[in-house]
Amino acid sequence: MEKPAEMTTSSSVMEKLRLKRQDNEFVMTAEGFTAGKGKFYNPEDLKIIKTFRFEGDSNPDDSSIIYVIEANDGLVGYSMDAYGVYTNHEAEYDEFIRKIPVEDRDEQLIFN
């Protein structure tokens, strides 16, 4: 059995999501997360199905996290953030993301 390619960079994860047509970006709004399709999601409407963390070897600015998220209507997408003080989101984002249930799926279930 062939071993799947390792997800070692954020661009490799993003490319896999694009190939599966799951590259819908969930963005934080006052109404909740949206993927730009006219629908808004609360934390209970979503689940984090995989989390990828990337740490920059030489620069802490390169540290990021990608949450692969599935909505209760079947839409799969992602939300990306930088770690800690380098975050590009407001405090409401952290509070929101922490309320989303986590179901850590195997990469093969997501990308194959």
Protein backbone atom coordinates (compact mmCIF):
# COMPACT_ATOMS: atom_id res chain seq x y z
CA MET A 1 0.00 0.00 0.00
CA GLU A 2 1.40 3.38 -0.99
CA LYS A 3 2.02 5.80 1.86
CA PRO A 4 0.32 9.20 1.37
CA ALA A 5 2.50 12.26 0.87
CA GLU A 6 3.32 13.96 4.15
CA MET A 7 1.76 17.33 4.86
CA THR A 8 4.89 19.25 5.75
CA THR A 9 4.00 22.72 4.48
CA SER A 10 0.91 24.86 4.55
CA SER A 11 1.05 25.08 0.75
CA SER A 12 0.92 21.26 0.47
CA VAL A 13 -2.21 21.18 2.64
CA MET A 14 -3.79 24.00 0.65
CA GLU A 15 -3.02 22.21 -2.63
CA LYS A 16 -4.61 18.98 -1.37
CA LEU A 17 -7.72 20.93 -0.33
CA ARG A 18 -7.83 22.65 -3.73
CA LEU A 19 -7.58 19.33 -5.58
CA LYS A 20 -10.49 17.95 -3.51
CA ARG A 21 -12.46 21.20 -4.10
CA GLN A 22 -12.47 21.76 -0.36
CA ASP A 23 -10.55 25.04 -0.46
CA ASN A 24 -13.46 27.07 0.86
CA GLU A 25 -12.11 29.61 3.33
CA PHE A 26 -14.19 30.04 6.45
CA VAL A 27 -13.98 33.69 7.55
CA MET A 28 -15.12 35.23 10.81
CA THR A 29 -17.97 37.75 10.60
CA ALA A 30 -20.32 39.26 13.16
CA GLU A 31 -22.88 36.58 12.14
CA GLY A 32 -20.42 33.67 12.53
CA PHE A 33 -18.16 31.80 10.11
CA THR A 34 -18.99 32.04 6.43
CA ALA A 35 -17.44 30.53 3.33
CA GLY A 36 -18.91 33.24 1.11
CA LYS A 37 -21.84 31.15 -0.09
CA GLY A 38 -24.54 33.20 1.61
CA LYS A 39 -24.69 31.01 4.70
CA PHE A 40 -23.38 31.66 8.22
CA TYR A 41 -22.33 28.99 10.70
CA ASN A 42 -22.21 28.92 14.50
CA PRO A 43 -19.72 26.67 16.31
CA GLU A 44 -22.37 23.97 16.83
CA ASP A 45 -22.87 23.84 13.03
CA LEU A 46 -19.20 22.96 12.48
CA LYS A 47 -16.55 20.44 13.43
CA ILE A 48 -12.80 20.62 13.08
CA ILE A 49 -11.86 17.42 11.27
CA LYS A 50 -8.09 18.01 11.13
CA THR A 51 -5.58 20.50 12.47
CA PHE A 52 -2.21 21.16 10.86
CA ARG A 53 0.44 23.16 12.71
CA PHE A 54 3.49 24.58 10.99
CA GLU A 55 6.42 26.12 12.82
CA GLY A 56 8.91 28.27 11.01
CA ASP A 57 12.46 26.98 11.46
CA SER A 58 14.10 30.37 11.38
CA ASN A 59 11.30 32.87 11.78
CA PRO A 60 8.39 32.77 14.28
CA ASP A 61 6.37 34.77 11.75
CA ASP A 62 6.17 31.56 9.71
CA SER A 63 4.27 29.68 12.45
CA SER A 64 0.71 28.97 11.36
CA ILE A 65 -2.21 26.66 11.90
CA ILE A 66 -4.77 25.35 9.41
CA TYR A 67 -8.09 24.05 10.69
CA VAL A 68 -9.90 21.78 8.21
CA ILE A 69 -13.57 22.30 9.01
CA GLU A 70 -16.74 20.47 8.00
CA ALA A 71 -20.13 22.15 8.26
CA ASN A 72 -23.33 20.30 9.12
CA ASP A 73 -24.47 20.74 5.49
CA GLY A 74 -21.39 18.85 4.19
CA LEU A 75 -19.34 21.88 3.13
CA VAL A 76 -15.64 21.31 3.85
CA GLY A 77 -13.17 24.16 4.03
CA TYR A 78 -10.46 25.67 6.17
CA SER A 79 -9.51 28.51 8.42
CA MET A 80 -5.90 29.61 8.72
CA ASP A 81 -4.26 31.60 11.49
CA ALA A 82 -0.81 32.50 12.76
CA TYR A 83 0.28 31.48 16.25
CA GLY A 84 -0.06 33.59 19.36
CA VAL A 85 0.98 37.22 19.11
CA TYR A 86 1.33 36.85 15.34
CA THR A 87 -2.38 36.13 14.89
CA ASN A 88 -4.22 38.15 12.28
CA HIS A 89 -7.63 37.63 13.93
CA GLU A 90 -9.53 39.37 16.69
CA ALA A 91 -10.12 37.75 20.11
CA GLU A 92 -13.63 36.73 18.95
CA TYR A 93 -12.02 34.36 16.44
CA ASP A 94 -10.16 32.45 19.20
CA GLU A 95 -13.31 32.23 21.31
CA PHE A 96 -15.31 31.00 18.30
CA ILE A 97 -12.76 28.40 17.15
CA ARG A 98 -12.43 26.97 20.68
CA LYS A 99 -16.19 26.28 20.74
CA ILE A 100 -16.06 24.13 17.57
CA PRO A 101 -16.01 20.40 18.41
CA VAL A 102 -12.89 18.54 17.26
CA GLU A 103 -13.04 15.20 15.44
CA ASP A 104 -9.45 14.45 14.45
CA ARG A 105 -9.84 12.40 11.25
CA ASP A 106 -7.05 10.53 9.56
CA GLU A 107 -5.63 12.41 6.58
CA GLN A 108 -6.49 9.51 4.28
CA LEU A 109 -10.18 9.89 5.13
CA ILE A 110 -10.04 13.57 4.24
CA PHE A 111 -7.77 13.61 1.18
CA ASN A 112 -8.34 10.26 -0.53
